[in-house]
Amino acid sequence: MRNARPSDAPALARIFRESWRLAYTGILPAHHLEHEIQRRDATWWRRAIAAEHNLLVIEHGEHIAGYATCGRARGGRRDTGEIYELYLAPIYQGIGIGEYLFEACRATLDRLGLERLIVWALVENERARAFYVRCGGRATRKACVRFGNAVNARIAYEW
């Protein structure tokens, strides 16, 4: 586990593309999904790496298997941290790597003095929801989020 480096940008763009297609095809409008994938190219990731202090990558051998971003919760209590994104390349899903990445985020948030944790997942993303339940999260509330012209429900998991 380590912080992302500029040289990671092409791998992060690939992981984003592959994981978003697996997770959100059939959930998000196709044009919105493809727009987000195209927008998050290697150039976008290089800028994000330069600006983001808590962009973590996890490696499997010599390959980046996934990434996560975390920090103070958006619109939440002052003592709450949030995992904004946690994605693994599809080939690495289901073998336990995600739990290591999740725990690295928790440790990062602990170092920031944030006692609570929140993660949002789309209701239709059953794989993500099951993952957060396995990690000990409990569903606490629902909200809606807009993707293009579509409105999707999401669930907050808290620890």
C-alpha atoms as a PDB file:
ATOM      1  CA  MET A   1       0.000   0.000   0.000  1.00  0.00           C
ATOM      2  CA  ARG A   2       1.322   3.420  -0.887  1.00  0.00           C
ATOM      3  CA  ASN A   3       0.360   6.864  -2.099  1.00  0.00           C
ATOM      4  CA  ALA A   4      -0.155   7.166  -5.839  1.00  0.00           C
ATOM      5  CA  ARG A   5       2.667   8.518  -8.017  1.00  0.00           C
ATOM      6  CA  PRO A   6       2.363  10.335 -11.366  1.00  0.00           C
ATOM      7  CA  SER A   7       3.676   7.222 -13.143  1.00  0.00           C
ATOM      8  CA  ASP A   8       0.573   5.359 -11.867  1.00  0.00           C
ATOM      9  CA  ALA A   9      -1.788   7.493 -13.980  1.00  0.00           C
ATOM     10  CA  PRO A  10      -2.176   5.081 -16.942  1.00  0.00           C
ATOM     11  CA  ALA A  11      -2.876   2.144 -14.599  1.00  0.00           C
ATOM     12  CA  LEU A  12      -5.417   4.172 -12.618  1.00  0.00           C
ATOM     13  CA  ALA A  13      -7.201   5.194 -15.824  1.00  0.00           C
ATOM     14  CA  ARG A  14      -7.393   1.517 -16.839  1.00  0.00           C
ATOM     15  CA  ILE A  15      -8.648   0.395 -13.406  1.00  0.00           C
ATOM     16  CA  PHE A  16     -11.261   3.153 -13.399  1.00  0.00           C
ATOM     17  CA  ARG A  17     -12.433   2.197 -16.904  1.00  0.00           C
ATOM     18  CA  GLU A  18     -12.619  -1.555 -16.199  1.00  0.00           C
ATOM     19  CA  SER A  19     -14.135  -1.330 -12.731  1.00  0.00           C
ATOM     20  CA  TRP A  20     -16.733   1.273 -13.686  1.00  0.00           C
ATOM     21  CA  ARG A  21     -17.851  -0.745 -16.706  1.00  0.00           C
ATOM     22  CA  LEU A  22     -18.221  -3.833 -14.522  1.00  0.00           C
ATOM     23  CA  ALA A  23     -19.963  -2.025 -11.663  1.00  0.00           C
ATOM     24  CA  TYR A  24     -22.214   0.424 -13.487  1.00  0.00           C
ATOM     25  CA  THR A  25     -23.192  -1.009 -16.871  1.00  0.00           C
ATOM     26  CA  GLY A  26     -26.969  -1.288 -16.727  1.00  0.00           C
ATOM     27  CA  ILE A  27     -27.141   1.005 -13.676  1.00  0.00           C
ATOM     28  CA  LEU A  28     -25.933   4.344 -15.055  1.00  0.00           C
ATOM     29  CA  PRO A  29     -27.033   5.713 -18.425  1.00  0.00           C
ATOM     30  CA  ALA A  30     -24.568   4.370 -21.017  1.00  0.00           C
ATOM     31  CA  HIS A  31     -23.646   7.810 -22.372  1.00  0.00           C
ATOM     32  CA  HIS A  32     -22.928   9.121 -18.873  1.00  0.00           C
ATOM     33  CA  LEU A  33     -20.840   6.076 -18.011  1.00  0.00           C
ATOM     34  CA  GLU A  34     -18.722   6.400 -21.154  1.00  0.00           C
ATOM     35  CA  HIS A  35     -18.373  10.157 -20.666  1.00  0.00           C
ATOM     36  CA  GLU A  36     -16.974   9.645 -17.151  1.00  0.00           C
ATOM     37  CA  ILE A  37     -14.612   6.932 -18.375  1.00  0.00           C
ATOM     38  CA  GLN A  38     -13.298   9.142 -21.180  1.00  0.00           C
ATOM     39  CA  ARG A  39     -12.955  12.118 -18.842  1.00  0.00           C
ATOM     40  CA  ARG A  40     -10.801  10.178 -16.387  1.00  0.00           C
ATOM     41  CA  ASP A  41      -7.900   9.535 -18.717  1.00  0.00           C
ATOM     42  CA  ALA A  42      -4.221   9.428 -17.679  1.00  0.00           C
ATOM     43  CA  THR A  43      -3.956  13.229 -17.832  1.00  0.00           C
ATOM     44  CA  TRP A  44      -6.879  13.589 -15.411  1.00  0.00           C
ATOM     45  CA  TRP A  45      -5.251  11.069 -13.066  1.00  0.00           C
ATOM     46  CA  ARG A  46      -1.884  12.871 -13.120  1.00  0.00           C
ATOM     47  CA  ARG A  47      -3.663  16.058 -11.999  1.00  0.00           C
ATOM     48  CA  ALA A  48      -5.591  14.153  -9.324  1.00  0.00           C
ATOM     49  CA  ILE A  49      -2.399  12.564  -7.989  1.00  0.00           C
ATOM     50  CA  ALA A  50      -0.763  15.995  -7.727  1.00  0.00           C
ATOM     51  CA  ALA A  51      -3.759  17.463  -5.885  1.00  0.00           C
ATOM     52  CA  GLU A  52      -4.933  14.553  -3.714  1.00  0.00           C
ATOM     53  CA  HIS A  53      -3.062  13.716  -0.522  1.00  0.00           C
ATOM     54  CA  ASN A  54      -5.002  10.546   0.228  1.00  0.00           C
ATOM     55  CA  LEU A  55      -5.023   8.688  -3.084  1.00  0.00           C
ATOM     56  CA  LEU A  56      -3.848   5.212  -2.145  1.00  0.00           C
ATOM     57  CA  VAL A  57      -2.896   2.373  -4.458  1.00  0.00           C
ATOM     58  CA  ILE A  58      -2.554  -1.297  -3.652  1.00  0.00           C
ATOM     59  CA  GLU A  59      -0.222  -3.503  -5.609  1.00  0.00           C
ATOM     60  CA  HIS A  60      -0.317  -7.197  -6.366  1.00  0.00           C
ATOM     61  CA  GLY A  61       3.152  -8.212  -7.399  1.00  0.00           C
ATOM     62  CA  GLU A  62       4.359  -5.480  -9.729  1.00  0.00           C
ATOM     63  CA  HIS A  63       0.865  -4.431 -10.834  1.00  0.00           C
ATOM     64  CA  ILE A  64      -1.502  -1.871  -9.358  1.00  0.00           C
ATOM     65  CA  ALA A  65      -4.604  -3.817  -8.355  1.00  0.00           C
ATOM     66  CA  GLY A  66      -6.762  -0.936  -7.166  1.00  0.00           C
ATOM     67  CA  TYR A  67      -7.021   2.481  -5.613  1.00  0.00           C
ATOM     68  CA  ALA A  68      -8.982   4.445  -3.037  1.00  0.00           C
ATOM     69  CA  THR A  69      -9.439   8.065  -2.039  1.00  0.00           C
ATOM     70  CA  CYS A  70     -10.535   9.230   1.374  1.00  0.00           C
ATOM     71  CA  GLY A  71     -10.703  12.276   3.623  1.00  0.00           C
ATOM     72  CA  ARG A  72     -13.083  14.377   5.693  1.00  0.00           C
ATOM     73  CA  ALA A  73     -16.714  13.506   4.981  1.00  0.00           C
ATOM     74  CA  ARG A  74     -18.507  15.768   2.552  1.00  0.00           C
ATOM     75  CA  GLY A  75     -21.366  17.494   4.333  1.00  0.00           C
ATOM     76  CA  GLY A  76     -20.931  15.384   7.436  1.00  0.00           C
ATOM     77  CA  ARG A  77     -19.976  15.795  11.038  1.00  0.00           C
ATOM     78  CA  ARG A  78     -16.528  17.159  11.836  1.00  0.00           C
ATOM     79  CA  ASP A  79     -15.412  13.824  13.337  1.00  0.00           C
ATOM     80  CA  THR A  80     -16.406  11.767  10.281  1.00  0.00           C
ATOM     81  CA  GLY A  81     -14.192  10.552   7.474  1.00  0.00           C
ATOM     82  CA  GLU A  82     -15.356   9.281   4.112  1.00  0.00           C
ATOM     83  CA  ILE A  83     -14.050   6.832   1.572  1.00  0.00           C
ATOM     84  CA  TYR A  84     -14.884   8.657  -1.642  1.00  0.00           C
ATOM     85  CA  GLU A  85     -13.833   5.901  -4.036  1.00  0.00           C
ATOM     86  CA  LEU A  86     -12.552   2.357  -3.667  1.00  0.00           C
ATOM     87  CA  TYR A  87     -12.112   0.344  -6.859  1.00  0.00           C
ATOM     88  CA  LEU A  88     -10.204  -2.747  -7.864  1.00  0.00           C
ATOM     89  CA  ALA A  89      -9.433  -4.000 -11.340  1.00  0.00           C
ATOM     90  CA  PRO A  90     -11.985  -6.770 -12.024  1.00  0.00           C
ATOM     91  CA  ILE A  91      -9.296  -9.465 -12.120  1.00  0.00           C
ATOM     92  CA  TYR A  92      -8.450  -8.694  -8.461  1.00  0.00           C
ATOM     93  CA  GLN A  93     -12.004  -8.552  -7.115  1.00  0.00           C
ATOM     94  CA  GLY A  94     -13.186 -11.213  -4.708  1.00  0.00           C
ATOM     95  CA  ILE A  95      -9.782 -12.367  -3.458  1.00  0.00           C
ATOM     96  CA  GLY A  96      -9.430 -10.203  -0.340  1.00  0.00           C
ATOM     97  CA  ILE A  97      -7.383  -7.297  -1.695  1.00  0.00           C
ATOM     98  CA  GLY A  98     -10.253  -4.852  -1.242  1.00  0.00           C
ATOM     99  CA  GLU A  99     -10.294  -5.422   2.511  1.00  0.00           C
ATOM    100  CA  TYR A 100      -6.633  -4.372   2.725  1.00  0.00           C
ATOM    101  CA  LEU A 101      -7.393  -1.221   0.779  1.00  0.00           C
ATOM    102  CA  PHE A 102     -10.412  -0.509   2.983  1.00  0.00           C
ATOM    103  CA  GLU A 103      -8.322  -0.913   6.146  1.00  0.00           C
ATOM    104  CA  ALA A 104      -5.606   1.371   4.734  1.00  0.00           C
ATOM    105  CA  CYS A 105      -8.285   4.044   4.281  1.00  0.00           C
ATOM    106  CA  ARG A 106      -9.453   3.535   7.844  1.00  0.00           C
ATOM    107  CA  ALA A 107      -5.870   3.931   9.097  1.00  0.00           C
ATOM    108  CA  THR A 108      -5.467   7.110   7.028  1.00  0.00           C
ATOM    109  CA  LEU A 109      -8.659   8.558   8.470  1.00  0.00           C
ATOM    110  CA  ASP A 110      -7.566   7.578  11.993  1.00  0.00           C
ATOM    111  CA  ARG A 111      -4.313   9.511  11.473  1.00  0.00           C
ATOM    112  CA  LEU A 112      -6.431  12.525  10.507  1.00  0.00           C
ATOM    113  CA  GLY A 113      -8.285  12.223  13.837  1.00  0.00           C
ATOM    114  CA  LEU A 114     -11.577  11.195  12.232  1.00  0.00           C
ATOM    115  CA  GLU A 115     -13.429   8.802  14.525  1.00  0.00           C
ATOM    116  CA  ARG A 116     -16.340   7.796  12.326  1.00  0.00           C
ATOM    117  CA  LEU A 117     -16.506   6.560   8.729  1.00  0.00           C
ATOM    118  CA  ILE A 118     -19.104   6.803   5.993  1.00  0.00           C
ATOM    119  CA  VAL A 119     -19.196   5.281   2.509  1.00  0.00           C
ATOM    120  CA  TRP A 120     -21.929   5.706  -0.092  1.00  0.00           C
ATOM    121  CA  ALA A 121     -22.896   2.968  -2.556  1.00  0.00           C
ATOM    122  CA  LEU A 122     -25.583   2.916  -5.229  1.00  0.00           C
ATOM    123  CA  VAL A 123     -28.504   0.702  -4.231  1.00  0.00           C
ATOM    124  CA  GLU A 124     -28.205  -1.239  -7.499  1.00  0.00           C
ATOM    125  CA  ASN A 125     -24.489  -1.912  -6.967  1.00  0.00           C
ATOM    126  CA  GLU A 126     -25.064  -5.085  -4.988  1.00  0.00           C
ATOM    127  CA  ARG A 127     -21.409  -6.161  -5.107  1.00  0.00           C
ATOM    128  CA  ALA A 128     -20.236  -2.926  -3.428  1.00  0.00           C
ATOM    129  CA  ARG A 129     -23.032  -3.045  -0.874  1.00  0.00           C
ATOM    130  CA  ALA A 130     -22.163  -6.644   0.077  1.00  0.00           C
ATOM    131  CA  PHE A 131     -18.486  -5.670   0.385  1.00  0.00           C
ATOM    132  CA  TYR A 132     -19.229  -2.863   2.858  1.00  0.00           C
ATOM    133  CA  VAL A 133     -21.495  -5.115   4.917  1.00  0.00           C
ATOM    134  CA  ARG A 134     -18.690  -7.723   5.073  1.00  0.00           C
ATOM    135  CA  CYS A 135     -16.381  -4.962   6.300  1.00  0.00           C
ATOM    136  CA  GLY A 136     -18.786  -4.291   9.175  1.00  0.00           C
ATOM    137  CA  GLY A 137     -20.695  -1.298   7.826  1.00  0.00           C
ATOM    138  CA  ARG A 138     -24.324  -0.779   8.660  1.00  0.00           C
ATOM    139  CA  ALA A 139     -26.770   0.921   6.327  1.00  0.00           C
ATOM    140  CA  THR A 140     -27.976   4.103   7.986  1.00  0.00           C
ATOM    141  CA  ARG A 141     -29.761   6.215   5.383  1.00  0.00           C
ATOM    142  CA  LYS A 142     -30.669   6.656   1.740  1.00  0.00           C
ATOM    143  CA  ALA A 143     -30.354   9.597  -0.602  1.00  0.00           C
ATOM    144  CA  CYS A 144     -30.618  10.233  -4.324  1.00  0.00           C
ATOM    145  CA  VAL A 145     -27.876  11.230  -6.715  1.00  0.00           C
ATOM    146  CA  ARG A 146     -28.195  12.419 -10.317  1.00  0.00           C
ATOM    147  CA  PHE A 147     -26.147  10.966 -13.177  1.00  0.00           C
ATOM    148  CA  GLY A 148     -27.025  12.849 -16.328  1.00  0.00           C
ATOM    149  CA  ASN A 149     -30.804  12.628 -16.653  1.00  0.00           C
ATOM    150  CA  ALA A 150     -31.095   9.599 -14.357  1.00  0.00           C
ATOM    151  CA  VAL A 151     -31.653   9.669 -10.613  1.00  0.00           C
ATOM    152  CA  ASN A 152     -30.262   6.749  -8.620  1.00  0.00           C
ATOM    153  CA  ALA A 153     -30.733   5.854  -4.972  1.00  0.00           C
ATOM    154  CA  ARG A 154     -27.670   5.397  -2.813  1.00  0.00           C
ATOM    155  CA  ILE A 155     -27.125   4.024   0.673  1.00  0.00           C
ATOM    156  CA  ALA A 156     -24.775   5.265   3.369  1.00  0.00           C
ATOM    157  CA  TYR A 157     -22.788   2.654   5.286  1.00  0.00           C
ATOM    158  CA  GLU A 158     -21.294   3.796   8.558  1.00  0.00           C
ATOM    159  CA  TRP A 159     -18.790   2.556  11.104  1.00  0.00           C
END
